[in-house]
Amino acid sequence: MPKKAPKKSKASGPSDPIDAALALAAEIGWRKVTLGAVAERSGVALGALLERYPSKTALLIGFQRRLDQAVLAGIDPALGDRPAQERLFDVVMRRLDALTPHKAAISSIVRSGAYDLDALVCGGMSGRRSLSLMLEAAGLSSSGPKGALRREGLALIYLDTIRVWLRDDSADMAATMKTLDTHLRRIARLIDRVKLWRGRAGAWGSKSEGSAPS
């Protein structure tokens, strides 16, 4: 039988409910976390907690928004002139850096089956917002049809990278960075090929249009 999570000292004052939920997830497993336990751990009255976070999903959405802020706060202006591949690498790694202190909690959430990894990372409006924000932080538009394609591509890259990250116990996250870099390089090569194909197609079209009919 799992030990009951220790109560938070009243003298220390209330803590953030999201932090409390993640701590409980790491200790007893996400499936066993209840909003009542989160309220008790954080020192926030249950009624007040429910007004802000009416469900465990709402707590996860709040956590995603916190990660979004970490990404925005760490934008490096020096990368502005670097290739898009490098800018996006920096943005994704910055998000994973913010996730790392909570890896045990994230692993528990995924293992619980209550939220599969796809839903956790990019499901719903909150996930799409986070993907769009990462693109914009990297200087890439997330608007229109091209933006939607970029978002879908980034979702696939981020999902595979985070799967590796969950198993990567190295201090330097070498396996995680290698996976992300490999995916981004492949995308960059694909984009270069498409641009080359379009250039050739344009050249052929100009030649054909400019030639006199036989």
C-alpha atoms as a PDB file:
ATOM      1  CA  MET A   1       0.000   0.000   0.000  1.00  0.00           C
ATOM      2  CA  PRO A   2       1.548   3.330  -1.018  1.00  0.00           C
ATOM      3  CA  LYS A   3       2.436   5.763   1.710  1.00  0.00           C
ATOM      4  CA  LYS A   4       0.220   8.790   2.067  1.00  0.00           C
ATOM      5  CA  ALA A   5       1.824  11.932   0.713  1.00  0.00           C
ATOM      6  CA  PRO A   6       3.042  14.147   3.575  1.00  0.00           C
ATOM      7  CA  LYS A   7       0.950  17.187   4.351  1.00  0.00           C
ATOM      8  CA  LYS A   8       2.317  20.592   3.557  1.00  0.00           C
ATOM      9  CA  SER A   9       3.208  22.665   6.594  1.00  0.00           C
ATOM     10  CA  LYS A  10       0.707  25.487   7.095  1.00  0.00           C
ATOM     11  CA  ALA A  11       3.554  27.732   8.225  1.00  0.00           C
ATOM     12  CA  SER A  12       5.125  27.611   4.794  1.00  0.00           C
ATOM     13  CA  GLY A  13       1.992  28.940   3.126  1.00  0.00           C
ATOM     14  CA  PRO A  14       0.210  27.632   0.025  1.00  0.00           C
ATOM     15  CA  SER A  15       2.172  26.382  -2.960  1.00  0.00           C
ATOM     16  CA  ASP A  16       1.263  26.264  -6.617  1.00  0.00           C
ATOM     17  CA  PRO A  17      -1.356  23.540  -7.267  1.00  0.00           C
ATOM     18  CA  ILE A  18       0.432  22.531 -10.471  1.00  0.00           C
ATOM     19  CA  ASP A  19       3.656  21.915  -8.552  1.00  0.00           C
ATOM     20  CA  ALA A  20       1.687  19.952  -5.969  1.00  0.00           C
ATOM     21  CA  ALA A  21       0.015  17.825  -8.655  1.00  0.00           C
ATOM     22  CA  LEU A  22       3.331  17.036 -10.344  1.00  0.00           C
ATOM     23  CA  ALA A  23       4.975  16.171  -7.044  1.00  0.00           C
ATOM     24  CA  LEU A  24       2.137  13.810  -6.200  1.00  0.00           C
ATOM     25  CA  ALA A  25       2.294  12.234  -9.653  1.00  0.00           C
ATOM     26  CA  ALA A  26       5.986  11.467  -9.120  1.00  0.00           C
ATOM     27  CA  GLU A  27       5.352  10.062  -5.629  1.00  0.00           C
ATOM     28  CA  ILE A  28       2.148   8.044  -5.865  1.00  0.00           C
ATOM     29  CA  GLY A  29       1.353   7.935  -9.590  1.00  0.00           C
ATOM     30  CA  TRP A  30      -0.900  10.178 -11.642  1.00  0.00           C
ATOM     31  CA  ARG A  31      -3.801   7.740 -11.608  1.00  0.00           C
ATOM     32  CA  LYS A  32      -4.026   7.995  -7.804  1.00  0.00           C
ATOM     33  CA  VAL A  33      -3.777  11.788  -7.711  1.00  0.00           C
ATOM     34  CA  THR A  34      -7.055  13.468  -6.756  1.00  0.00           C
ATOM     35  CA  LEU A  35      -7.963  17.126  -6.666  1.00  0.00           C
ATOM     36  CA  GLY A  36      -8.514  16.750  -2.946  1.00  0.00           C
ATOM     37  CA  ALA A  37      -4.931  15.514  -2.545  1.00  0.00           C
ATOM     38  CA  VAL A  38      -3.675  18.409  -4.659  1.00  0.00           C
ATOM     39  CA  ALA A  39      -5.575  20.870  -2.487  1.00  0.00           C
ATOM     40  CA  GLU A  40      -4.175  19.289   0.671  1.00  0.00           C
ATOM     41  CA  ARG A  41      -0.594  19.230  -0.627  1.00  0.00           C
ATOM     42  CA  SER A  42      -0.703  22.788  -1.947  1.00  0.00           C
ATOM     43  CA  GLY A  43      -2.496  24.225   1.064  1.00  0.00           C
ATOM     44  CA  VAL A  44      -5.185  25.727  -1.171  1.00  0.00           C
ATOM     45  CA  ALA A  45      -8.831  25.300  -0.194  1.00  0.00           C
ATOM     46  CA  LEU A  46     -10.556  22.743  -2.409  1.00  0.00           C
ATOM     47  CA  GLY A  47     -13.221  25.228  -3.493  1.00  0.00           C
ATOM     48  CA  ALA A  48     -10.605  27.763  -4.536  1.00  0.00           C
ATOM     49  CA  LEU A  49      -8.663  25.054  -6.371  1.00  0.00           C
ATOM     50  CA  LEU A  50     -11.745  23.932  -8.293  1.00  0.00           C
ATOM     51  CA  GLU A  51     -12.419  27.491  -9.441  1.00  0.00           C
ATOM     52  CA  ARG A  52      -8.978  27.611 -11.101  1.00  0.00           C
ATOM     53  CA  TYR A  53      -8.534  23.961 -12.015  1.00  0.00           C
ATOM     54  CA  PRO A  54     -11.835  22.057 -12.228  1.00  0.00           C
ATOM     55  CA  SER A  55     -10.091  18.858 -13.367  1.00  0.00           C
ATOM     56  CA  LYS A  56      -6.718  17.136 -13.570  1.00  0.00           C
ATOM     57  CA  THR A  57      -6.710  17.932 -17.283  1.00  0.00           C
ATOM     58  CA  ALA A  58      -6.974  21.622 -16.401  1.00  0.00           C
ATOM     59  CA  LEU A  59      -3.863  21.250 -14.247  1.00  0.00           C
ATOM     60  CA  LEU A  60      -1.996  19.749 -17.213  1.00  0.00           C
ATOM     61  CA  ILE A  61      -3.142  22.600 -19.451  1.00  0.00           C
ATOM     62  CA  GLY A  62      -1.884  25.051 -16.849  1.00  0.00           C
ATOM     63  CA  PHE A  63       1.439  23.235 -16.845  1.00  0.00           C
ATOM     64  CA  GLN A  64       1.632  23.487 -20.637  1.00  0.00           C
ATOM     65  CA  ARG A  65       1.075  27.232 -20.424  1.00  0.00           C
ATOM     66  CA  ARG A  66       3.885  27.493 -17.893  1.00  0.00           C
ATOM     67  CA  LEU A  67       6.161  25.684 -20.347  1.00  0.00           C
ATOM     68  CA  ASP A  68       5.058  28.111 -23.058  1.00  0.00           C
ATOM     69  CA  GLN A  69       6.193  31.003 -20.885  1.00  0.00           C
ATOM     70  CA  ALA A  70       9.550  29.328 -20.267  1.00  0.00           C
ATOM     71  CA  VAL A  71      10.051  29.028 -24.025  1.00  0.00           C
ATOM     72  CA  LEU A  72       9.197  32.690 -24.598  1.00  0.00           C
ATOM     73  CA  ALA A  73      11.348  33.907 -21.709  1.00  0.00           C
ATOM     74  CA  GLY A  74      14.411  32.136 -23.069  1.00  0.00           C
ATOM     75  CA  ILE A  75      14.390  33.406 -26.653  1.00  0.00           C
ATOM     76  CA  ASP A  76      17.969  34.132 -27.715  1.00  0.00           C
ATOM     77  CA  PRO A  77      18.101  37.204 -30.012  1.00  0.00           C
ATOM     78  CA  ALA A  78      21.520  36.059 -31.238  1.00  0.00           C
ATOM     79  CA  LEU A  79      19.839  33.148 -33.036  1.00  0.00           C
ATOM     80  CA  GLY A  80      17.722  35.468 -35.158  1.00  0.00           C
ATOM     81  CA  ASP A  81      20.058  35.228 -38.153  1.00  0.00           C
ATOM     82  CA  ARG A  82      20.683  31.497 -37.823  1.00  0.00           C
ATOM     83  CA  PRO A  83      18.947  28.899 -40.050  1.00  0.00           C
ATOM     84  CA  ALA A  84      15.409  27.924 -39.073  1.00  0.00           C
ATOM     85  CA  GLN A  85      16.634  24.436 -38.202  1.00  0.00           C
ATOM     86  CA  GLU A  86      18.939  25.806 -35.494  1.00  0.00           C
ATOM     87  CA  ARG A  87      16.310  28.184 -34.130  1.00  0.00           C
ATOM     88  CA  LEU A  88      13.747  25.411 -33.812  1.00  0.00           C
ATOM     89  CA  PHE A  89      16.304  23.107 -32.198  1.00  0.00           C
ATOM     90  CA  ASP A  90      16.939  25.766 -29.548  1.00  0.00           C
ATOM     91  CA  VAL A  91      13.223  26.269 -28.894  1.00  0.00           C
ATOM     92  CA  VAL A  92      12.421  22.564 -28.507  1.00  0.00           C
ATOM     93  CA  MET A  93      15.428  21.930 -26.262  1.00  0.00           C
ATOM     94  CA  ARG A  94      14.450  24.916 -24.125  1.00  0.00           C
ATOM     95  CA  ARG A  95      11.029  23.344 -23.607  1.00  0.00           C
ATOM     96  CA  LEU A  96      12.579  20.002 -22.714  1.00  0.00           C
ATOM     97  CA  ASP A  97      14.917  21.727 -20.262  1.00  0.00           C
ATOM     98  CA  ALA A  98      11.841  23.145 -18.535  1.00  0.00           C
ATOM     99  CA  LEU A  99      10.266  19.674 -18.512  1.00  0.00           C
ATOM    100  CA  THR A 100      13.308  17.871 -17.118  1.00  0.00           C
ATOM    101  CA  PRO A 101      12.764  18.624 -13.397  1.00  0.00           C
ATOM    102  CA  HIS A 102       9.340  16.971 -13.770  1.00  0.00           C
ATOM    103  CA  LYS A 103      10.391  13.904 -15.773  1.00  0.00           C
ATOM    104  CA  ALA A 104       9.230  11.447 -13.100  1.00  0.00           C
ATOM    105  CA  ALA A 105       5.800  13.089 -13.070  1.00  0.00           C
ATOM    106  CA  ILE A 106       5.529  13.112 -16.865  1.00  0.00           C
ATOM    107  CA  SER A 107       6.555   9.446 -16.992  1.00  0.00           C
ATOM    108  CA  SER A 108       3.857   8.642 -14.449  1.00  0.00           C
ATOM    109  CA  ILE A 109       1.224  10.567 -16.404  1.00  0.00           C
ATOM    110  CA  VAL A 110       2.099   8.713 -19.607  1.00  0.00           C
ATOM    111  CA  ARG A 111       2.284   5.302 -17.897  1.00  0.00           C
ATOM    112  CA  SER A 112      -1.080   5.826 -16.228  1.00  0.00           C
ATOM    113  CA  GLY A 113      -2.837   5.550 -19.566  1.00  0.00           C
ATOM    114  CA  ALA A 114      -5.185   8.338 -18.486  1.00  0.00           C
ATOM    115  CA  TYR A 115      -3.521  10.604 -21.051  1.00  0.00           C
ATOM    116  CA  ASP A 116      -1.576   9.090 -23.913  1.00  0.00           C
ATOM    117  CA  LEU A 117       1.545  10.890 -25.053  1.00  0.00           C
ATOM    118  CA  ASP A 118      -0.057  12.286 -28.186  1.00  0.00           C
ATOM    119  CA  ALA A 119      -2.854  13.885 -26.168  1.00  0.00           C
ATOM    120  CA  LEU A 120      -0.451  15.168 -23.529  1.00  0.00           C
ATOM    121  CA  VAL A 121       1.867  16.818 -26.041  1.00  0.00           C
ATOM    122  CA  CYS A 122      -0.346  18.098 -28.808  1.00  0.00           C
ATOM    123  CA  GLY A 123      -3.962  17.215 -28.127  1.00  0.00           C
ATOM    124  CA  GLY A 124      -6.688  19.834 -28.106  1.00  0.00           C
ATOM    125  CA  MET A 125      -6.480  23.578 -28.351  1.00  0.00           C
ATOM    126  CA  SER A 126      -3.804  23.855 -25.672  1.00  0.00           C
ATOM    127  CA  GLY A 127      -1.449  21.530 -27.534  1.00  0.00           C
ATOM    128  CA  ARG A 128      -1.957  23.312 -30.839  1.00  0.00           C
ATOM    129  CA  ARG A 129      -1.338  26.621 -29.081  1.00  0.00           C
ATOM    130  CA  SER A 130       1.954  25.330 -27.680  1.00  0.00           C
ATOM    131  CA  LEU A 131       3.085  24.017 -31.067  1.00  0.00           C
ATOM    132  CA  SER A 132       2.187  27.336 -32.720  1.00  0.00           C
ATOM    133  CA  LEU A 133       4.043  29.227 -30.026  1.00  0.00           C
ATOM    134  CA  MET A 134       7.199  27.150 -30.542  1.00  0.00           C
ATOM    135  CA  LEU A 135       7.089  27.860 -34.270  1.00  0.00           C
ATOM    136  CA  GLU A 136       6.600  31.579 -33.721  1.00  0.00           C
ATOM    137  CA  ALA A 137       9.391  31.623 -31.117  1.00  0.00           C
ATOM    138  CA  ALA A 138      11.645  30.128 -33.793  1.00  0.00           C
ATOM    139  CA  GLY A 139      10.628  32.860 -36.251  1.00  0.00           C
ATOM    140  CA  LEU A 140       8.369  30.583 -38.303  1.00  0.00           C
ATOM    141  CA  SER A 141       4.788  31.528 -39.088  1.00  0.00           C
ATOM    142  CA  SER A 142       2.108  29.222 -37.709  1.00  0.00           C
ATOM    143  CA  SER A 143      -0.684  30.864 -39.722  1.00  0.00           C
ATOM    144  CA  GLY A 144      -2.497  29.607 -42.789  1.00  0.00           C
ATOM    145  CA  PRO A 145      -2.066  26.291 -44.624  1.00  0.00           C
ATOM    146  CA  LYS A 146       1.747  26.427 -44.414  1.00  0.00           C
ATOM    147  CA  GLY A 147       1.539  27.095 -40.701  1.00  0.00           C
ATOM    148  CA  ALA A 148      -0.768  24.115 -40.242  1.00  0.00           C
ATOM    149  CA  LEU A 149       1.700  21.892 -42.091  1.00  0.00           C
ATOM    150  CA  ARG A 150       4.561  23.190 -39.965  1.00  0.00           C
ATOM    151  CA  ARG A 151       2.529  22.489 -36.836  1.00  0.00           C
ATOM    152  CA  GLU A 152       1.811  18.914 -37.925  1.00  0.00           C
ATOM    153  CA  GLY A 153       5.461  18.359 -38.763  1.00  0.00           C
ATOM    154  CA  LEU A 154       6.624  19.791 -35.459  1.00  0.00           C
ATOM    155  CA  ALA A 155       4.117  17.628 -33.571  1.00  0.00           C
ATOM    156  CA  LEU A 156       5.587  14.472 -35.108  1.00  0.00           C
ATOM    157  CA  ILE A 157       9.148  15.601 -34.404  1.00  0.00           C
ATOM    158  CA  TYR A 158       8.376  16.656 -30.841  1.00  0.00           C
ATOM    159  CA  LEU A 159       6.484  13.448 -30.049  1.00  0.00           C
ATOM    160  CA  ASP A 160       9.328  11.215 -31.193  1.00  0.00           C
ATOM    161  CA  THR A 161      11.899  13.392 -29.419  1.00  0.00           C
ATOM    162  CA  ILE A 162       9.988  13.347 -26.141  1.00  0.00           C
ATOM    163  CA  ARG A 163       9.672   9.566 -26.323  1.00  0.00           C
ATOM    164  CA  VAL A 164      13.456   9.373 -26.463  1.00  0.00           C
ATOM    165  CA  TRP A 165      13.742  12.028 -23.743  1.00  0.00           C
ATOM    166  CA  LEU A 166      11.631   9.920 -21.374  1.00  0.00           C
ATOM    167  CA  ARG A 167      14.228   7.127 -21.653  1.00  0.00           C
ATOM    168  CA  ASP A 168      17.286   9.387 -21.777  1.00  0.00           C
ATOM    169  CA  ASP A 169      18.954   9.411 -18.350  1.00  0.00           C
ATOM    170  CA  SER A 170      22.193  11.088 -19.480  1.00  0.00           C
ATOM    171  CA  ALA A 171      23.166  14.410 -17.940  1.00  0.00           C
ATOM    172  CA  ASP A 172      23.719  16.056 -21.332  1.00  0.00           C
ATOM    173  CA  MET A 173      20.604  14.573 -23.012  1.00  0.00           C
ATOM    174  CA  ALA A 174      22.827  13.385 -25.866  1.00  0.00           C
ATOM    175  CA  ALA A 175      20.326  10.846 -27.224  1.00  0.00           C
ATOM    176  CA  THR A 176      17.508  13.386 -27.082  1.00  0.00           C
ATOM    177  CA  MET A 177      19.518  16.057 -28.893  1.00  0.00           C
ATOM    178  CA  LYS A 178      20.673  13.573 -31.525  1.00  0.00           C
ATOM    179  CA  THR A 179      17.090  12.494 -32.229  1.00  0.00           C
ATOM    180  CA  LEU A 180      15.869  16.076 -32.518  1.00  0.00           C
ATOM    181  CA  ASP A 181      18.811  17.127 -34.690  1.00  0.00           C
ATOM    182  CA  THR A 182      18.312  14.138 -37.005  1.00  0.00           C
ATOM    183  CA  HIS A 183      14.625  14.936 -37.525  1.00  0.00           C
ATOM    184  CA  LEU A 184      15.279  18.624 -38.164  1.00  0.00           C
ATOM    185  CA  ARG A 185      18.068  17.861 -40.640  1.00  0.00           C
ATOM    186  CA  ARG A 186      15.774  15.538 -42.551  1.00  0.00           C
ATOM    187  CA  ILE A 187      13.093  18.203 -42.730  1.00  0.00           C
ATOM    188  CA  ALA A 188      15.659  20.785 -43.869  1.00  0.00           C
ATOM    189  CA  ARG A 189      16.859  18.457 -46.653  1.00  0.00           C
ATOM    190  CA  LEU A 190      13.280  17.793 -47.719  1.00  0.00           C
ATOM    191  CA  ILE A 191      12.536  21.524 -47.885  1.00  0.00           C
ATOM    192  CA  ASP A 192      15.701  22.103 -49.949  1.00  0.00           C
ATOM    193  CA  ARG A 193      14.632  19.390 -52.387  1.00  0.00           C
ATOM    194  CA  VAL A 194      11.156  20.902 -52.717  1.00  0.00           C
ATOM    195  CA  LYS A 195      12.652  24.348 -53.368  1.00  0.00           C
ATOM    196  CA  LEU A 196      14.999  22.859 -55.959  1.00  0.00           C
ATOM    197  CA  TRP A 197      12.127  21.035 -57.645  1.00  0.00           C
ATOM    198  CA  ARG A 198      10.035  24.212 -57.699  1.00  0.00           C
ATOM    199  CA  GLY A 199      12.944  26.158 -59.146  1.00  0.00           C
ATOM    200  CA  ARG A 200      13.384  23.661 -61.933  1.00  0.00           C
ATOM    201  CA  ALA A 201       9.661  23.515 -62.571  1.00  0.00           C
ATOM    202  CA  GLY A 202       9.562  27.308 -62.785  1.00  0.00           C
ATOM    203  CA  ALA A 203      12.472  27.374 -65.181  1.00  0.00           C
ATOM    204  CA  TRP A 204      10.908  24.761 -67.404  1.00  0.00           C
ATOM    205  CA  GLY A 205       7.615  26.622 -67.377  1.00  0.00           C
ATOM    206  CA  SER A 206       9.307  29.878 -68.394  1.00  0.00           C
ATOM    207  CA  LYS A 207      11.174  28.189 -71.230  1.00  0.00           C
ATOM    208  CA  SER A 208       8.046  26.513 -72.497  1.00  0.00           C
ATOM    209  CA  GLU A 209       5.987  29.679 -72.307  1.00  0.00           C
ATOM    210  CA  GLY A 210       8.638  31.725 -74.017  1.00  0.00           C
ATOM    211  CA  SER A 211       9.255  29.388 -76.935  1.00  0.00           C
ATOM    212  CA  ALA A 212       7.414  29.763 -80.196  1.00  0.00           C
ATOM    213  CA  PRO A 213       5.056  26.957 -81.146  1.00  0.00           C
ATOM    214  CA  SER A 214       6.437  24.614 -83.760  1.00  0.00           C
END
